[in-house]
Amino acid sequence: MPRITYQDPTGHKHVVEVAVGLTVMEGARDNDIPGILADCGGACACSTCHVYVDPAWIGKLSPKDEMEADMLEFAFEPDPQRSRLTCRLRVTGDLDGLVVTIPAQQA
């Protein structure tokens, strides 16, 4: 199973295995990662699963679709390059080692 690192705003890292086919948001939810609220349950109807993707991973992820880009406008301090919604990141074997940082707060 791919290992995903969720780093909180203080630098503490939670490294968990997430099954292929789940989303990065579901991996956080299933492993009780603090800071990923996922209020809409993964419907891309909020921005409470917002993270900053480690720069080394930006080019390895699928591009943002229009719905995700629209929702990111409501995120806390979005970064045009690094911000992603974890509900839109489907886990594949290629994401083994992905590192994301959770913002100080969710919108």
N, C-alpha and C. Protein backbone atom coordinates (compact mmCIF):
# COMPACT_ATOMS: atom_id res chain seq x y z
N MET A 1 0.84 -1.19 0.00
CA MET A 1 0.00 0.00 0.00
C MET A 1 0.88 1.25 0.00
N PRO A 2 0.49 2.27 -0.75
CA PRO A 2 1.24 3.52 -0.75
C PRO A 2 1.24 4.18 0.63
N ARG A 3 2.36 4.78 0.96
CA ARG A 3 2.48 5.52 2.23
C ARG A 3 2.35 7.01 1.91
N ILE A 4 1.48 7.67 2.67
CA ILE A 4 1.25 9.10 2.52
C ILE A 4 1.67 9.76 3.84
N THR A 5 2.39 10.88 3.72
CA THR A 5 2.78 11.65 4.90
C THR A 5 1.93 12.90 4.97
N TYR A 6 1.21 13.03 6.09
CA TYR A 6 0.41 14.21 6.38
C TYR A 6 1.17 14.98 7.46
N GLN A 7 1.62 16.16 7.11
CA GLN A 7 2.38 16.97 8.06
C GLN A 7 1.48 18.07 8.59
N ASP A 8 1.43 18.22 9.92
CA ASP A 8 0.60 19.29 10.47
C ASP A 8 1.37 20.61 10.45
N PRO A 9 0.71 21.72 10.75
CA PRO A 9 1.37 23.03 10.64
C PRO A 9 2.58 23.20 11.55
N THR A 10 2.69 22.39 12.60
CA THR A 10 3.84 22.48 13.50
C THR A 10 5.01 21.63 13.03
N GLY A 11 4.80 20.84 11.96
CA GLY A 11 5.86 19.99 11.45
C GLY A 11 5.75 18.53 11.85
N HIS A 12 4.81 18.20 12.75
CA HIS A 12 4.62 16.80 13.16
C HIS A 12 4.09 16.00 11.97
N LYS A 13 4.67 14.83 11.73
CA LYS A 13 4.30 14.01 10.58
C LYS A 13 3.53 12.77 11.00
N HIS A 14 2.48 12.50 10.24
CA HIS A 14 1.69 11.28 10.39
C HIS A 14 1.89 10.50 9.10
N VAL A 15 2.57 9.37 9.16
CA VAL A 15 2.81 8.55 7.98
C VAL A 15 1.90 7.34 8.06
N VAL A 16 1.03 7.21 7.05
CA VAL A 16 0.06 6.11 7.06
C VAL A 16 0.02 5.44 5.70
N GLU A 17 -0.43 4.21 5.70
CA GLU A 17 -0.65 3.50 4.46
C GLU A 17 -2.09 3.73 4.03
N VAL A 18 -2.28 4.00 2.75
CA VAL A 18 -3.61 4.27 2.21
C VAL A 18 -3.82 3.33 1.02
N ALA A 19 -4.93 2.63 1.02
CA ALA A 19 -5.21 1.67 -0.03
C ALA A 19 -5.38 2.35 -1.39
N VAL A 20 -4.87 1.71 -2.41
CA VAL A 20 -5.04 2.18 -3.78
C VAL A 20 -6.55 2.26 -4.06
N GLY A 21 -6.95 3.34 -4.69
CA GLY A 21 -8.36 3.54 -5.03
C GLY A 21 -9.08 4.50 -4.10
N LEU A 22 -8.58 4.63 -2.87
CA LEU A 22 -9.15 5.62 -1.96
C LEU A 22 -8.61 6.99 -2.34
N THR A 23 -9.15 8.02 -1.74
CA THR A 23 -8.60 9.35 -1.93
C THR A 23 -7.67 9.67 -0.76
N VAL A 24 -6.84 10.68 -0.94
CA VAL A 24 -5.95 11.12 0.14
C VAL A 24 -6.80 11.59 1.32
N MET A 25 -7.98 12.17 1.05
CA MET A 25 -8.90 12.58 2.11
C MET A 25 -9.41 11.37 2.89
N GLU A 26 -9.79 10.31 2.19
CA GLU A 26 -10.28 9.10 2.88
C GLU A 26 -9.18 8.48 3.72
N GLY A 27 -7.94 8.54 3.23
CA GLY A 27 -6.82 8.06 4.01
C GLY A 27 -6.66 8.83 5.31
N ALA A 28 -6.83 10.14 5.24
CA ALA A 28 -6.75 10.97 6.45
C ALA A 28 -7.90 10.65 7.39
N ARG A 29 -9.10 10.58 6.85
CA ARG A 29 -10.28 10.27 7.67
C ARG A 29 -10.15 8.91 8.35
N ASP A 30 -9.76 7.91 7.59
CA ASP A 30 -9.69 6.54 8.12
C ASP A 30 -8.58 6.36 9.15
N ASN A 31 -7.61 7.27 9.14
CA ASN A 31 -6.49 7.18 10.08
C ASN A 31 -6.50 8.29 11.12
N ASP A 32 -7.64 8.97 11.24
CA ASP A 32 -7.82 10.01 12.27
C ASP A 32 -6.73 11.08 12.23
N ILE A 33 -6.40 11.54 11.02
CA ILE A 33 -5.41 12.60 10.87
C ILE A 33 -6.07 13.93 11.25
N PRO A 34 -5.57 14.62 12.25
CA PRO A 34 -6.18 15.89 12.64
C PRO A 34 -5.96 16.97 11.58
N GLY A 35 -6.97 17.83 11.42
CA GLY A 35 -6.85 18.96 10.51
C GLY A 35 -7.51 18.76 9.16
N ILE A 36 -7.82 17.52 8.81
CA ILE A 36 -8.56 17.25 7.57
C ILE A 36 -10.01 17.02 8.00
N LEU A 37 -10.85 18.05 7.84
CA LEU A 37 -12.22 17.98 8.34
C LEU A 37 -13.15 17.23 7.40
N ALA A 38 -13.00 17.46 6.11
CA ALA A 38 -13.80 16.78 5.09
C ALA A 38 -15.30 16.88 5.38
N ASP A 39 -15.75 18.09 5.64
CA ASP A 39 -17.16 18.32 6.00
C ASP A 39 -18.15 17.81 4.97
N CYS A 40 -17.81 17.86 3.70
CA CYS A 40 -18.76 17.43 2.67
C CYS A 40 -18.63 15.94 2.35
N GLY A 41 -17.72 15.25 3.01
CA GLY A 41 -17.57 13.82 2.81
C GLY A 41 -16.90 13.43 1.50
N GLY A 42 -16.28 14.37 0.84
CA GLY A 42 -15.58 14.05 -0.39
C GLY A 42 -16.31 14.43 -1.66
N ALA A 43 -17.35 15.24 -1.54
CA ALA A 43 -18.15 15.63 -2.70
C ALA A 43 -17.61 16.85 -3.43
N CYS A 44 -16.49 17.37 -3.00
CA CYS A 44 -15.89 18.58 -3.56
C CYS A 44 -16.88 19.75 -3.49
N ALA A 45 -17.53 19.85 -2.32
CA ALA A 45 -18.51 20.91 -2.10
C ALA A 45 -18.07 21.85 -0.98
N CYS A 46 -16.83 21.70 -0.52
CA CYS A 46 -16.28 22.58 0.50
C CYS A 46 -14.76 22.61 0.28
N SER A 47 -14.05 23.21 1.18
CA SER A 47 -12.59 23.21 1.05
C SER A 47 -11.92 22.79 2.35
N THR A 48 -12.61 21.96 3.13
CA THR A 48 -12.10 21.59 4.45
C THR A 48 -11.18 20.37 4.43
N CYS A 49 -10.77 19.97 3.24
CA CYS A 49 -9.74 18.92 3.13
C CYS A 49 -8.53 19.47 2.39
N HIS A 50 -8.38 20.77 2.43
CA HIS A 50 -7.29 21.49 1.75
C HIS A 50 -5.94 21.13 2.35
N VAL A 51 -4.95 20.95 1.48
CA VAL A 51 -3.56 20.74 1.89
C VAL A 51 -2.64 21.47 0.93
N TYR A 52 -1.38 21.59 1.34
CA TYR A 52 -0.32 22.07 0.48
C TYR A 52 0.53 20.87 0.09
N VAL A 53 0.66 20.63 -1.19
CA VAL A 53 1.44 19.50 -1.69
C VAL A 53 2.92 19.88 -1.68
N ASP A 54 3.75 18.95 -1.23
CA ASP A 54 5.19 19.16 -1.28
C ASP A 54 5.60 19.46 -2.72
N PRO A 55 6.45 20.48 -2.91
CA PRO A 55 6.81 20.88 -4.27
C PRO A 55 7.32 19.75 -5.17
N ALA A 56 7.98 18.76 -4.60
CA ALA A 56 8.50 17.64 -5.39
C ALA A 56 7.39 16.80 -6.01
N TRP A 57 6.17 16.92 -5.50
CA TRP A 57 5.06 16.10 -5.96
C TRP A 57 4.10 16.82 -6.90
N ILE A 58 4.22 18.12 -7.04
CA ILE A 58 3.23 18.88 -7.81
C ILE A 58 3.08 18.34 -9.23
N GLY A 59 4.15 18.10 -9.92
CA GLY A 59 4.08 17.63 -11.30
C GLY A 59 3.69 16.17 -11.45
N LYS A 60 3.61 15.44 -10.35
CA LYS A 60 3.27 14.02 -10.39
C LYS A 60 1.79 13.75 -10.16
N LEU A 61 1.04 14.79 -9.81
CA LEU A 61 -0.38 14.64 -9.53
C LEU A 61 -1.21 14.97 -10.75
N SER A 62 -2.41 14.42 -10.79
CA SER A 62 -3.33 14.80 -11.86
C SER A 62 -3.65 16.29 -11.72
N PRO A 63 -3.88 16.96 -12.84
CA PRO A 63 -4.16 18.41 -12.74
C PRO A 63 -5.49 18.68 -12.04
N LYS A 64 -5.59 19.89 -11.49
CA LYS A 64 -6.85 20.33 -10.87
C LYS A 64 -7.91 20.45 -11.95
N ASP A 65 -9.11 19.99 -11.63
CA ASP A 65 -10.22 20.25 -12.55
C ASP A 65 -10.90 21.56 -12.13
N GLU A 66 -11.85 22.00 -12.91
CA GLU A 66 -12.50 23.29 -12.66
C GLU A 66 -13.21 23.32 -11.32
N MET A 67 -13.86 22.22 -10.94
CA MET A 67 -14.59 22.17 -9.67
C MET A 67 -13.62 22.35 -8.49
N GLU A 68 -12.50 21.66 -8.53
CA GLU A 68 -11.52 21.79 -7.45
C GLU A 68 -10.95 23.21 -7.40
N ALA A 69 -10.62 23.76 -8.55
CA ALA A 69 -10.09 25.12 -8.60
C ALA A 69 -11.08 26.11 -8.00
N ASP A 70 -12.37 25.94 -8.31
CA ASP A 70 -13.39 26.82 -7.74
C ASP A 70 -13.47 26.69 -6.23
N MET A 71 -13.44 25.48 -5.71
CA MET A 71 -13.53 25.27 -4.26
C MET A 71 -12.30 25.79 -3.54
N LEU A 72 -11.15 25.72 -4.17
CA LEU A 72 -9.92 26.22 -3.54
C LEU A 72 -9.96 27.72 -3.31
N GLU A 73 -10.81 28.43 -4.03
CA GLU A 73 -10.95 29.87 -3.78
C GLU A 73 -11.46 30.15 -2.38
N PHE A 74 -12.12 29.17 -1.75
CA PHE A 74 -12.68 29.33 -0.41
C PHE A 74 -11.75 28.79 0.67
N ALA A 75 -10.61 28.23 0.29
CA ALA A 75 -9.68 27.63 1.24
C ALA A 75 -8.93 28.70 2.02
N PHE A 76 -8.42 28.30 3.17
CA PHE A 76 -7.60 29.18 3.99
C PHE A 76 -6.24 29.34 3.33
N GLU A 77 -5.88 30.56 2.99
CA GLU A 77 -4.58 30.91 2.41
C GLU A 77 -4.15 29.94 1.31
N PRO A 78 -4.93 29.87 0.23
CA PRO A 78 -4.56 28.95 -0.85
C PRO A 78 -3.29 29.40 -1.56
N ASP A 79 -2.52 28.43 -1.99
CA ASP A 79 -1.31 28.68 -2.77
C ASP A 79 -1.61 28.25 -4.20
N PRO A 80 -1.43 29.12 -5.18
CA PRO A 80 -1.81 28.79 -6.56
C PRO A 80 -1.14 27.52 -7.10
N GLN A 81 0.05 27.21 -6.64
CA GLN A 81 0.77 26.04 -7.13
C GLN A 81 0.56 24.80 -6.26
N ARG A 82 0.62 24.98 -4.94
CA ARG A 82 0.69 23.83 -4.02
C ARG A 82 -0.64 23.40 -3.43
N SER A 83 -1.66 24.24 -3.45
CA SER A 83 -2.94 23.89 -2.81
C SER A 83 -3.71 22.85 -3.61
N ARG A 84 -4.20 21.85 -2.90
CA ARG A 84 -5.05 20.82 -3.50
C ARG A 84 -6.09 20.42 -2.47
N LEU A 85 -7.20 19.87 -2.95
CA LEU A 85 -8.20 19.26 -2.09
C LEU A 85 -7.94 17.77 -2.09
N THR A 86 -7.80 17.20 -0.90
CA THR A 86 -7.45 15.79 -0.81
C THR A 86 -8.56 14.87 -1.31
N CYS A 87 -9.78 15.38 -1.36
CA CYS A 87 -10.88 14.55 -1.89
C CYS A 87 -10.74 14.33 -3.39
N ARG A 88 -9.91 15.12 -4.05
CA ARG A 88 -9.73 15.02 -5.50
C ARG A 88 -8.45 14.28 -5.89
N LEU A 89 -7.71 13.81 -4.90
CA LEU A 89 -6.46 13.10 -5.15
C LEU A 89 -6.67 11.60 -4.91
N ARG A 90 -6.85 10.85 -5.98
CA ARG A 90 -7.06 9.41 -5.90
C ARG A 90 -5.69 8.73 -5.73
N VAL A 91 -5.61 7.83 -4.76
CA VAL A 91 -4.35 7.15 -4.45
C VAL A 91 -4.08 6.05 -5.48
N THR A 92 -2.87 6.08 -6.03
CA THR A 92 -2.36 5.04 -6.90
C THR A 92 -1.00 4.62 -6.35
N GLY A 93 -0.44 3.58 -6.90
CA GLY A 93 0.89 3.16 -6.48
C GLY A 93 1.93 4.24 -6.72
N ASP A 94 1.68 5.09 -7.70
CA ASP A 94 2.61 6.17 -8.02
C ASP A 94 2.67 7.24 -6.93
N LEU A 95 1.69 7.25 -6.02
CA LEU A 95 1.69 8.26 -4.95
C LEU A 95 2.41 7.80 -3.69
N ASP A 96 3.05 6.63 -3.74
CA ASP A 96 3.81 6.16 -2.59
C ASP A 96 4.88 7.19 -2.24
N GLY A 97 4.82 7.72 -1.01
CA GLY A 97 5.76 8.72 -0.56
C GLY A 97 5.25 10.15 -0.63
N LEU A 98 4.02 10.33 -1.12
CA LEU A 98 3.43 11.68 -1.21
C LEU A 98 3.49 12.37 0.15
N VAL A 99 3.83 13.65 0.12
CA VAL A 99 3.88 14.46 1.35
C VAL A 99 2.97 15.66 1.16
N VAL A 100 2.04 15.83 2.09
CA VAL A 100 1.16 16.99 2.09
C VAL A 100 1.20 17.67 3.45
N THR A 101 1.03 18.99 3.45
CA THR A 101 1.01 19.74 4.71
C THR A 101 -0.37 20.32 4.91
N ILE A 102 -0.90 20.11 6.08
CA ILE A 102 -2.23 20.59 6.45
C ILE A 102 -2.10 22.06 6.87
N PRO A 103 -2.99 22.94 6.38
CA PRO A 103 -2.89 24.35 6.77
C PRO A 103 -3.23 24.57 8.25
N ALA A 104 -2.91 25.75 8.75
CA ALA A 104 -3.16 26.08 10.16
C ALA A 104 -4.64 26.02 10.51
N GLN A 105 -5.49 26.23 9.53
CA GLN A 105 -6.93 26.09 9.75
C GLN A 105 -7.59 25.77 8.42
N GLN A 106 -8.80 25.24 8.50
CA GLN A 106 -9.58 24.96 7.31
C GLN A 106 -10.67 26.02 7.21
N ALA A 107 -11.03 26.37 5.99
CA ALA A 107 -12.05 27.41 5.79
C ALA A 107 -13.42 26.90 6.19
